[in-house]
Structures are given as structure tokens and as C-alpha cells.
Protein backbone atom coordinates (compact mmCIF):
# COMPACT_ATOMS: atom_id res chain seq x y z
CA MET A 1 -84.04 -55.51 -0.22
CA THR A 2 -85.28 -53.90 2.90
CA SER A 3 -88.42 -54.11 4.48
CA GLU A 4 -88.53 -50.57 4.82
CA TYR A 5 -89.62 -50.44 0.99
CA SER A 6 -92.62 -52.39 0.27
CA GLY A 7 -93.15 -51.57 -3.67
CA LEU A 8 -97.04 -50.22 -2.74
CA GLY A 9 -96.66 -46.41 -3.73
CA ILE A 10 -94.41 -43.38 -3.58
CA ALA A 11 -95.46 -39.81 -3.11
CA TYR A 12 -94.70 -36.42 -4.40
CA ARG A 13 -95.75 -33.03 -3.95
CA ASP A 14 -99.02 -34.02 -2.10
CA HIS A 15 -100.13 -37.08 -4.67
CA PHE A 16 -99.51 -40.64 -4.16
CA THR A 17 -98.96 -43.16 -6.69
CA ARG A 18 -99.65 -46.70 -6.53
CA LEU A 19 -96.93 -48.85 -7.58
CA LYS A 20 -98.12 -51.96 -9.74
CA TRP A 21 -96.92 -55.23 -9.90
CA HIS A 22 -96.35 -56.25 -13.53
CA ARG A 23 -96.96 -59.97 -14.02
CA LEU A 24 -96.92 -60.86 -10.33
CA ARG A 25 -93.32 -59.56 -9.83
CA ARG A 26 -91.80 -57.10 -7.44
CA SER A 27 -88.20 -57.85 -9.01
CA MET A 28 -87.11 -59.18 -12.22
CA SER A 29 -85.47 -61.78 -10.29
CA ASP A 30 -89.36 -63.15 -9.23
CA PRO A 31 -90.39 -65.63 -11.16
CA LEU A 32 -93.16 -65.16 -14.13
CA PHE A 33 -96.76 -64.85 -12.17
CA SER A 34 -95.42 -66.18 -8.83
CA ALA A 35 -98.50 -67.47 -6.40
CA SER A 36 -96.20 -66.36 -3.06
CA VAL A 37 -95.88 -63.09 -4.73
CA MET A 38 -99.34 -62.49 -5.34
CA ALA A 39 -100.20 -63.51 -2.04
CA ASP A 40 -97.90 -61.08 -0.32
CA GLY A 41 -99.46 -58.41 -2.62
CA PHE A 42 -103.04 -59.39 -1.62
CA ARG A 43 -101.64 -59.64 2.45
CA LEU A 44 -100.21 -56.33 1.62
CA GLY A 45 -103.00 -54.68 -0.09
CA ALA A 46 -100.53 -53.89 -2.87
CA SER A 47 -101.56 -53.29 -7.05
CA THR A 48 -100.94 -56.54 -9.18
CA GLU A 49 -101.78 -57.66 -12.36
CA LEU A 50 -101.59 -60.80 -14.42
CA ASP A 51 -102.41 -62.47 -17.71
CA LEU A 52 -105.49 -64.42 -18.40
CA ARG A 53 -106.00 -66.99 -21.16
CA VAL A 54 -109.03 -69.01 -21.45
CA ARG A 55 -109.12 -72.67 -21.24
CA ALA A 56 -111.00 -75.38 -23.24
CA ASP A 57 -113.43 -75.61 -20.30
CA GLY A 58 -114.38 -72.05 -20.20
CA GLY A 59 -112.28 -71.49 -16.83
CA PHE A 60 -109.11 -69.08 -17.10
CA VAL A 61 -105.22 -69.83 -16.28
CA VAL A 62 -102.57 -66.96 -15.19
CA LEU A 63 -100.22 -67.41 -18.48
CA HIS A 64 -99.50 -64.22 -21.09
CA ASP A 65 -98.67 -66.51 -24.21
CA GLY A 66 -101.30 -68.47 -26.35
CA GLU A 67 -99.26 -71.48 -26.71
CA LEU A 68 -98.43 -73.87 -23.09
CA GLU A 69 -94.86 -74.04 -24.25
CA GLY A 70 -94.19 -70.21 -24.10
CA GLU A 71 -94.31 -70.07 -19.74
CA THR A 72 -95.07 -74.03 -19.34
CA ASP A 73 -93.33 -77.19 -19.59
CA GLY A 74 -96.71 -78.29 -21.91
CA SER A 75 -97.41 -77.90 -25.43
CA GLY A 76 -99.87 -76.94 -27.44
CA LEU A 77 -102.74 -74.00 -27.28
CA VAL A 78 -103.72 -72.93 -23.83
CA ARG A 79 -107.16 -73.08 -25.31
CA GLN A 80 -107.41 -76.55 -26.03
CA ALA A 81 -106.15 -77.37 -22.50
CA SER A 82 -108.49 -78.28 -19.69
CA ALA A 83 -108.23 -77.63 -15.58
CA GLN A 84 -106.73 -81.18 -15.30
CA ASP A 85 -104.22 -80.76 -18.00
CA ILE A 86 -102.84 -77.66 -16.96
CA ARG A 87 -102.82 -78.94 -13.40
CA ARG A 88 -100.10 -81.33 -14.75
CA LEU A 89 -97.70 -78.82 -15.97
CA ARG A 90 -95.28 -76.64 -14.16
CA MET A 91 -93.90 -72.75 -14.93
CA LYS A 92 -90.80 -72.74 -16.23
CA LYS A 93 -88.85 -70.94 -14.08
CA ALA A 94 -90.71 -71.56 -10.79
CA GLY A 95 -91.56 -74.87 -10.77
CA THR A 96 -95.08 -74.36 -9.82
CA PRO A 97 -98.27 -75.10 -11.20
CA PRO A 98 -99.68 -72.56 -12.94
CA ILE A 99 -102.52 -70.47 -11.23
CA LEU A 100 -106.12 -71.06 -12.61
CA SER A 101 -109.00 -68.46 -12.13
CA GLU A 102 -110.59 -71.01 -9.42
CA ASP A 103 -107.33 -70.58 -7.40
CA LEU A 104 -107.43 -66.95 -7.62
CA ALA A 105 -111.28 -66.39 -6.08
CA THR A 106 -110.17 -68.39 -3.51
CA MET A 107 -107.05 -66.25 -2.61
CA LEU A 108 -109.10 -63.26 -3.34
CA GLU A 109 -111.29 -63.79 -0.03
CA ALA A 110 -108.94 -63.08 2.18
CA ALA A 111 -107.11 -60.18 0.31
CA HIS A 112 -106.69 -56.52 2.09
CA PRO A 113 -109.15 -54.36 1.39
CA ASP A 114 -106.91 -51.89 -0.40
CA ALA A 115 -105.49 -54.77 -2.57
CA LEU A 116 -106.46 -54.18 -6.27
CA LEU A 117 -105.81 -57.21 -9.07
CA GLN A 118 -105.46 -56.58 -12.86
CA PHE A 119 -106.90 -59.14 -15.10
CA ASP A 120 -105.31 -57.95 -18.25
CA MET A 121 -107.42 -60.58 -20.38
CA LYS A 122 -105.30 -61.84 -23.63
CA ASP A 123 -108.23 -63.68 -25.65
CA GLU A 124 -110.98 -61.88 -27.19
CA LEU A 125 -114.36 -62.33 -26.61
CA ALA A 126 -114.98 -64.65 -29.75
CA VAL A 127 -112.53 -66.93 -28.04
CA ILE A 128 -113.47 -66.60 -24.47
CA GLY A 129 -117.40 -66.87 -25.28
CA ASP A 130 -120.76 -67.20 -23.12
CA ARG A 131 -118.51 -69.71 -21.37
CA GLY A 132 -115.92 -67.94 -20.19
CA LEU A 133 -118.16 -64.87 -19.17
CA ASP A 134 -120.17 -67.54 -17.02
CA HIS A 135 -117.10 -68.79 -15.30
CA LEU A 136 -116.15 -65.19 -14.57
CA ALA A 137 -119.39 -64.33 -13.59
CA HIS A 138 -119.54 -67.71 -11.01
CA HIS A 139 -116.32 -66.99 -9.54
CA PHE A 140 -115.62 -63.16 -9.23
CA ALA A 141 -119.16 -61.32 -9.11
CA GLY A 142 -119.30 -59.23 -5.88
CA ALA A 143 -115.52 -58.87 -5.96
CA GLY A 144 -116.01 -55.08 -6.82
CA SER A 145 -113.47 -52.77 -6.17
CA SER A 146 -110.90 -55.68 -5.44
CA ILE A 147 -110.76 -56.35 -9.25
CA ILE A 148 -110.38 -54.28 -12.67
CA VAL A 149 -110.73 -56.25 -15.76
CA SER A 150 -108.59 -54.69 -19.07
CA GLY A 151 -108.35 -55.92 -22.58
CA ALA A 152 -107.07 -54.66 -26.52
CA ASP A 153 -110.84 -56.20 -27.37
CA LEU A 154 -113.03 -53.44 -26.39
CA ASP A 155 -116.34 -55.89 -27.28
CA LEU A 156 -115.21 -58.48 -24.40
CA ILE A 157 -114.73 -54.94 -21.88
CA LEU A 158 -118.59 -54.29 -22.71
CA ALA A 159 -119.75 -57.68 -22.40
CA VAL A 160 -117.72 -57.58 -18.76
CA LYS A 161 -119.85 -54.36 -17.94
CA GLU A 162 -123.27 -56.32 -18.72
CA ARG A 163 -122.08 -59.52 -17.11
CA LEU A 164 -120.48 -58.32 -14.34
CA PRO A 165 -121.17 -54.52 -13.66
CA ASP A 166 -119.62 -54.06 -10.12
CA LEU A 167 -116.55 -54.92 -11.19
CA LYS A 168 -113.56 -51.97 -12.26
CA ARG A 169 -112.85 -51.90 -16.06
CA GLY A 170 -109.81 -50.59 -17.78
CA ILE A 171 -108.95 -49.77 -21.72
CA ASP A 172 -105.31 -49.22 -23.24
CA PRO A 173 -105.41 -47.04 -26.18
CA THR A 174 -101.54 -46.73 -26.44
CA ASP A 175 -100.73 -48.39 -29.60
CA LYS A 176 -103.75 -46.29 -31.08
CA LEU A 177 -102.96 -43.38 -30.16
CA VAL A 178 -99.16 -43.49 -30.91
CA GLU A 179 -100.29 -43.77 -34.61
CA ILE A 180 -102.32 -41.16 -34.73
CA TYR A 181 -99.71 -39.17 -33.21
CA ARG A 182 -97.59 -40.11 -36.00
CA HIS A 183 -99.86 -39.34 -38.78
CA GLN A 184 -102.17 -37.02 -37.81
CA GLY A 185 -100.57 -35.19 -34.82
CA LEU A 186 -101.89 -34.14 -31.57
CA LYS A 187 -105.13 -32.55 -31.75
CA ALA A 188 -106.19 -35.63 -33.42
CA VAL A 189 -104.82 -37.78 -30.43
CA GLU A 190 -106.64 -35.54 -27.53
CA THR A 191 -109.90 -36.04 -30.14
CA ASP A 192 -109.70 -39.52 -30.26
CA LEU A 193 -109.02 -40.15 -26.01
CA ARG A 194 -111.79 -37.76 -25.39
CA SER A 195 -114.04 -40.34 -27.46
CA ASP A 196 -112.77 -43.48 -25.24
CA LEU A 197 -113.07 -41.49 -22.24
CA ALA A 198 -116.68 -41.16 -23.18
CA GLY A 199 -117.03 -44.25 -24.52
CA PRO A 200 -119.24 -47.24 -23.96
CA THR A 201 -116.80 -49.37 -22.01
CA GLU A 202 -117.06 -46.65 -18.99
CA PRO A 203 -113.29 -47.22 -18.31
CA ASP A 204 -112.17 -46.74 -14.90
CA THR A 205 -108.80 -46.65 -15.61
CA ILE A 206 -106.39 -45.90 -18.78
CA TYR A 207 -103.62 -47.50 -19.57
CA LEU A 208 -100.97 -45.39 -21.20
CA ALA A 209 -97.37 -46.21 -21.79
CA TRP A 210 -95.08 -43.98 -20.32
CA GLU A 211 -92.93 -42.50 -22.69
CA LEU A 212 -96.46 -41.67 -25.08
CA LEU A 213 -97.15 -38.99 -21.75
CA LEU A 214 -94.16 -37.41 -21.49
CA GLN A 215 -93.63 -37.02 -25.47
CA ALA A 216 -97.00 -35.45 -25.46
CA ALA A 217 -96.67 -33.34 -22.36
CA ARG A 218 -93.76 -32.17 -24.08
CA ASP A 219 -95.69 -31.12 -27.29
CA GLY A 220 -98.08 -29.29 -24.85
CA LEU A 221 -101.07 -32.23 -24.30
CA ASP A 222 -101.04 -33.31 -20.68
CA LEU A 223 -103.15 -36.43 -21.53
CA ILE A 224 -103.09 -37.21 -17.63
CA ALA A 225 -104.83 -34.38 -16.66
CA LEU A 226 -107.42 -34.43 -19.55
CA CYS A 227 -108.42 -38.48 -18.36
CA HIS A 228 -108.29 -36.96 -14.69
CA ASP A 229 -110.93 -34.23 -16.10
CA ALA A 230 -113.38 -37.17 -17.05
CA GLY A 231 -112.82 -38.84 -14.11
CA LYS A 232 -110.84 -41.22 -15.22
CA LEU A 233 -107.34 -42.82 -13.62
CA VAL A 234 -104.22 -43.33 -15.19
CA ASP A 235 -101.36 -46.13 -15.15
CA ALA A 236 -98.26 -45.09 -16.82
CA TRP A 237 -96.93 -48.23 -18.11
CA THR A 238 -93.89 -50.11 -18.25
CA PHE A 239 -90.65 -47.99 -15.93
CA ASN A 240 -88.12 -50.39 -15.25
CA LEU A 241 -84.92 -49.36 -13.72
CA LYS A 242 -81.91 -50.66 -15.82
CA ASN A 243 -79.87 -50.90 -12.55
CA PRO A 244 -82.40 -51.37 -9.68
CA GLU A 245 -79.68 -51.89 -7.28
CA THR A 246 -77.73 -48.45 -7.89
CA GLY A 247 -81.09 -46.50 -8.65
CA PHE A 248 -81.78 -43.90 -10.89
CA SER A 249 -79.61 -43.05 -13.68
CA GLU A 250 -79.26 -39.12 -14.39
CA THR A 251 -81.76 -39.85 -17.64
CA GLU A 252 -83.87 -42.23 -15.88
CA ALA A 253 -84.28 -39.99 -12.70
CA HIS A 254 -85.31 -37.05 -15.16
CA ALA A 255 -87.89 -38.89 -17.14
CA PHE A 256 -89.00 -40.16 -13.86
CA ARG A 257 -89.52 -37.01 -11.93
CA THR A 258 -91.38 -35.70 -14.91
CA LEU A 259 -93.62 -38.44 -14.87
CA MET A 260 -94.61 -38.10 -11.39
CA ALA A 261 -94.89 -34.29 -12.25
CA LEU A 262 -98.02 -35.17 -14.19
CA LYS A 263 -99.54 -37.00 -11.34
CA PRO A 264 -100.00 -40.31 -12.64
CA ASP A 265 -102.45 -42.77 -10.34
CA GLN A 266 -100.64 -45.48 -11.10
CA ILE A 267 -97.27 -46.84 -12.63
CA THR A 268 -96.61 -50.42 -13.82
CA THR A 269 -92.87 -51.61 -13.20
CA ASP A 270 -91.22 -55.00 -12.88
CA GLU A 271 -89.04 -53.74 -9.54
CA ALA A 272 -91.59 -51.93 -7.40
CA PRO A 273 -89.57 -52.02 -4.03
CA ALA A 274 -86.52 -50.89 -5.76
CA THR A 275 -88.12 -47.88 -7.59
CA GLU A 276 -89.51 -46.68 -4.21
CA ARG A 277 -86.34 -47.38 -2.63
CA ALA A 278 -84.46 -45.13 -5.97
CA TRP A 279 -87.07 -42.45 -5.65
CA ALA A 280 -86.18 -41.98 -1.38
CA ARG A 281 -82.59 -41.11 -2.88
CA ILE A 282 -83.76 -38.12 -5.30
CA SER A 283 -86.88 -37.43 -4.13
CA ASP A 284 -86.99 -33.58 -2.59
């Protein structure tokens, strides 16, 4: 990998699309939720994403699974472990301690002004509770454009909106829309998405699977344009090259060109520099 390709984004037809580093990885060879990769992202002004799980003390830890044994050398439920318990653990691949929300707050203070960090909340509001919201408000109030909070629980996003109104918010209606598409058709998808865009969460960004975006476009509905018309940004997730070293296959190149022509604002990937490099080889 050369320094020429930082993995920050790619341009096509006068539109710039950011590349988001999925689960704090620039490549699949990076360990999951790497603090060093996050530090590089903050330094460069990258868009990065991590998952958060609530702890027993109301704080958070950067993990995807609800059980510690999924990604660490510990065991038991994450929500039953304290910060002290978790600091003694090690991530399975990296051998480093898990990142706590307190660590995130400290590192964000020195981040590049263009850096954007997505908090993908994996617990529901009923689990996080007031203590979790108090923790977020204490450590991240005023973070403004540096953080976007997303999650499957819309009640949680509403609670974040009330407690931390300056933070950006994102929603992902993909699973719901896929089911509507399958059973009710494309017009029903459009109606439901328009309702979400105008809903009380007031999202800044809509996260949609890239396969859904392409299928809807083939059938005559540009979901990205629909979101743009409502003043919302779109993140297309998650596009990963099968062979990062050799670049796009013919099928991948066609799909990626089609996706880029729809002008997504961001593409989620575990291979950001490799994707940027592969695009440079095929772009016109």
C-alpha cells in the first residue's frame, strides 16, 4: 500500500464520495477496532465507524458483540462488566485493551476538523438507560460535527437528539425496506423511506446497503436522489473488494461505477485505500 492512497475518498463526475473505515479498519488485515488506525483516521480527517456497547457503570466500550468472548479474552455480558473489568482484557487479534468511551473523548480532542466518527449503538435505549445518556452527554456534548450517532433503536436516536442536539444522527432502514420491497413493491419502499426522512429523529445521514441502492435504481427508483431531495446524506454500505491487491473484477467494476454514478455521499468499506487505488485504475 502506498501513501498516495490514503483512503479518504474518491471523486467522479464532479462529486466527491468519502470512504468510511468500517469498524476502524483500513484493510481486512487490520485488527478489529484498532486504536492506532483510529488515531491515523483522526490525524488525516477520515470518516471512521465503530460499534459501542454499554458497560455496567453506564459508560461504553468499543465492541460489536454483546458477549465479551466474541472479541476479547474475557467472558460474560458486556453490560455486566465495569470499566476496570474491561481494561484488564485484551482484544483477540490485536492483543491490546478494548477502547473505552473515555479514551474516545480524549482522542477526539486532537482530531482533524474534517474527521467524522460514527457511533453505531448496538444496545437499545432500555438497556442504555439514563446513566448511559448521562455518560454520553458528559463526555461528548459539544463534539458537534465530529460525531454521528446511529442505531437500530429509533427511540434511542430520539433520546440522543434531545440530550445531545448538536451531534449528527443517522438511521438505517435497510432491513425494513428490503422486506417492504419484497412483499409490497417499490412504490411502498418510496413511501416508507419518505416517512423516515421526515420523521422525528431528523437524521442527517441515511445508511442503505449498496445492493439495495443498485436494485432500486435498476427498477426505476433512485433512493439516493430521493434522500438528497430531502436534504439528507447517504452512506452506501458495505462494499469490499474480493481481491484488494488486484483491484476490481469486471463485475465489481460495473457495480461500483453504477454506484458512483448515483452520487452517494459516503461508501462504507473495510478496504478504503485499496478501493481508492482500484478506482484510480478504472475511472475515466
